[in-house]
Amino acid sequence: MSGTLSGRRLAGIVSFTIDGNTWDCVGDCEYSPSTVIRETMKGQSRVEGFSEMPQQGYISANLRDRPDTTVFSLNQITGSTITVQLANGKTVTAVQAWQVGEIGVRTQEASFPIRFESDTVIES
């Protein structure tokens, strides 16, 4: 047995909110919980160990453009709560998140990629 129950939804449907406002998620929803990043430290004679630095978490997605808000307003987001509810029952939340990167709207599909980062991204 693979560890999953037959008939249990594991992927697919997602709910995406920015400060409680629901957005249509076209796809490509992705997240990484807050954690650390490790790098191997090596000298000329051997592997000596590793370094560890804090790493921000993120939530990103491809969202549908809508007439009641502007891309400019999304670009201004700092200190927001981003919540994603996954098909498998998990909830992923970014607390005090800020928008990073460029937001380019694809007019044929009325969609755009967006990414939020935070030092507190938790899954429950």
Protein backbone atom coordinates (compact mmCIF):
# COMPACT_ATOMS: atom_id res chain seq x y z
CA MET A 1 0.00 0.00 0.00
CA SER A 2 1.36 3.43 -0.92
CA GLY A 3 0.26 5.19 2.26
CA THR A 4 -2.73 6.97 0.67
CA LEU A 5 -6.35 6.00 0.91
CA SER A 6 -8.22 5.07 -2.24
CA GLY A 7 -10.62 7.83 -3.31
CA ARG A 8 -8.99 10.55 -1.22
CA ARG A 9 -8.40 13.81 -3.08
CA LEU A 10 -4.73 14.78 -2.91
CA ALA A 11 -4.39 17.56 -5.47
CA GLY A 12 -6.35 19.90 -7.68
CA ILE A 13 -8.76 22.43 -6.25
CA VAL A 14 -7.25 25.40 -4.39
CA SER A 15 -8.62 28.50 -2.68
CA PHE A 16 -6.35 31.58 -2.74
CA THR A 17 -6.96 34.68 -0.60
CA ILE A 18 -5.12 37.96 -0.08
CA ASP A 19 -6.16 39.61 3.19
CA GLY A 20 -9.41 37.62 3.10
CA ASN A 21 -10.27 38.56 -0.51
CA THR A 22 -10.66 35.48 -2.70
CA TRP A 23 -8.85 35.37 -6.04
CA ASP A 24 -9.34 32.96 -8.92
CA CYS A 25 -6.27 30.78 -9.16
CA VAL A 26 -5.54 29.76 -12.75
CA GLY A 27 -2.79 27.37 -11.71
CA ASP A 28 0.84 26.99 -10.76
CA CYS A 29 0.17 27.54 -7.06
CA GLU A 30 3.37 26.77 -5.17
CA TYR A 31 4.63 27.28 -1.64
CA SER A 32 7.65 26.76 0.54
CA PRO A 33 7.39 26.96 4.33
CA SER A 34 9.81 29.22 6.17
CA THR A 35 12.98 27.32 6.88
CA VAL A 36 16.72 27.56 6.64
CA ILE A 37 19.07 27.11 3.73
CA ARG A 38 22.17 25.00 4.19
CA GLU A 39 25.30 25.02 2.11
CA THR A 40 28.15 22.57 2.28
CA MET A 41 31.45 24.08 3.36
CA LYS A 42 34.52 22.42 1.97
CA GLY A 43 38.21 23.11 1.97
CA GLN A 44 40.91 21.78 -0.28
CA SER A 45 41.44 18.74 1.89
CA ARG A 46 37.92 17.66 2.92
CA VAL A 47 34.28 18.48 3.43
CA GLU A 48 34.33 20.47 6.68
CA GLY A 49 30.63 20.84 7.47
CA PHE A 50 27.85 23.21 6.53
CA SER A 51 26.60 26.73 7.06
CA GLU A 52 23.01 27.59 7.85
CA MET A 53 21.21 30.85 7.08
CA PRO A 54 17.59 31.87 7.49
CA GLN A 55 15.47 31.49 4.36
CA GLN A 56 12.18 33.24 3.69
CA GLY A 57 9.17 31.16 2.74
CA TYR A 58 6.88 31.97 -0.16
CA ILE A 59 3.50 31.44 -1.77
CA SER A 60 3.19 31.97 -5.50
CA ALA A 61 0.44 31.40 -8.06
CA ASN A 62 -0.91 32.33 -11.43
CA LEU A 63 -4.03 34.41 -10.72
CA ARG A 64 -6.84 35.73 -12.92
CA ASP A 65 -7.00 39.51 -13.49
CA ARG A 66 -10.21 41.14 -12.34
CA PRO A 67 -11.85 44.51 -13.00
CA ASP A 68 -12.29 45.60 -9.37
CA THR A 69 -8.59 46.04 -8.57
CA THR A 70 -5.35 47.05 -10.27
CA VAL A 71 -2.06 45.28 -10.74
CA PHE A 72 -0.47 48.41 -9.31
CA SER A 73 -2.33 47.86 -6.02
CA LEU A 74 -1.06 44.26 -5.84
CA ASN A 75 2.48 45.51 -6.38
CA GLN A 76 2.06 47.72 -3.29
CA ILE A 77 1.26 44.84 -0.93
CA THR A 78 3.37 44.59 2.22
CA GLY A 79 2.33 43.19 5.59
CA SER A 80 -0.54 41.09 4.21
CA THR A 81 -1.89 37.65 5.02
CA ILE A 82 -1.91 35.20 2.13
CA THR A 83 -3.89 31.99 2.63
CA VAL A 84 -4.10 28.96 0.38
CA GLN A 85 -6.38 26.02 1.10
CA LEU A 86 -5.27 22.90 -0.72
CA ALA A 87 -7.30 19.97 -2.02
CA ASN A 88 -5.59 17.63 0.46
CA GLY A 89 -6.96 19.62 3.41
CA LYS A 90 -3.81 21.59 4.23
CA THR A 91 -3.90 25.33 4.81
CA VAL A 92 -0.80 27.36 3.97
CA THR A 93 -0.53 30.86 5.42
CA ALA A 94 2.04 33.60 4.87
CA VAL A 95 1.94 36.17 7.68
CA GLN A 96 3.07 39.79 7.15
CA ALA A 97 3.92 38.89 3.55
CA TRP A 98 5.22 41.22 0.85
CA GLN A 99 4.86 40.96 -2.91
CA VAL A 100 8.11 40.42 -4.82
CA GLY A 101 9.04 40.46 -8.46
CA GLU A 102 7.38 41.82 -11.56
CA ILE A 103 3.68 41.27 -12.24
CA GLY A 104 3.07 40.92 -15.97
CA VAL A 105 -0.53 40.41 -17.09
CA ARG A 106 -1.11 38.05 -20.02
CA THR A 107 -4.12 39.65 -21.73
CA GLN A 108 -5.16 36.62 -23.80
CA GLU A 109 -5.84 34.66 -20.61
CA ALA A 110 -6.24 37.66 -18.25
CA SER A 111 -3.78 36.02 -15.90
CA PHE A 112 -0.58 36.95 -14.12
CA PRO A 113 2.06 35.31 -11.92
CA ILE A 114 2.45 36.70 -8.42
CA ARG A 115 4.75 35.80 -5.54
CA PHE A 116 4.61 36.70 -1.87
CA GLU A 117 7.45 36.13 0.57
CA SER A 118 7.52 36.17 4.35
CA ASP A 119 9.67 35.00 7.23
CA THR A 120 6.57 33.16 8.49
CA VAL A 121 4.99 30.69 6.07
CA ILE A 122 3.29 27.81 7.85
CA GLU A 123 1.33 24.79 6.73
CA SER A 124 -1.31 23.20 8.90
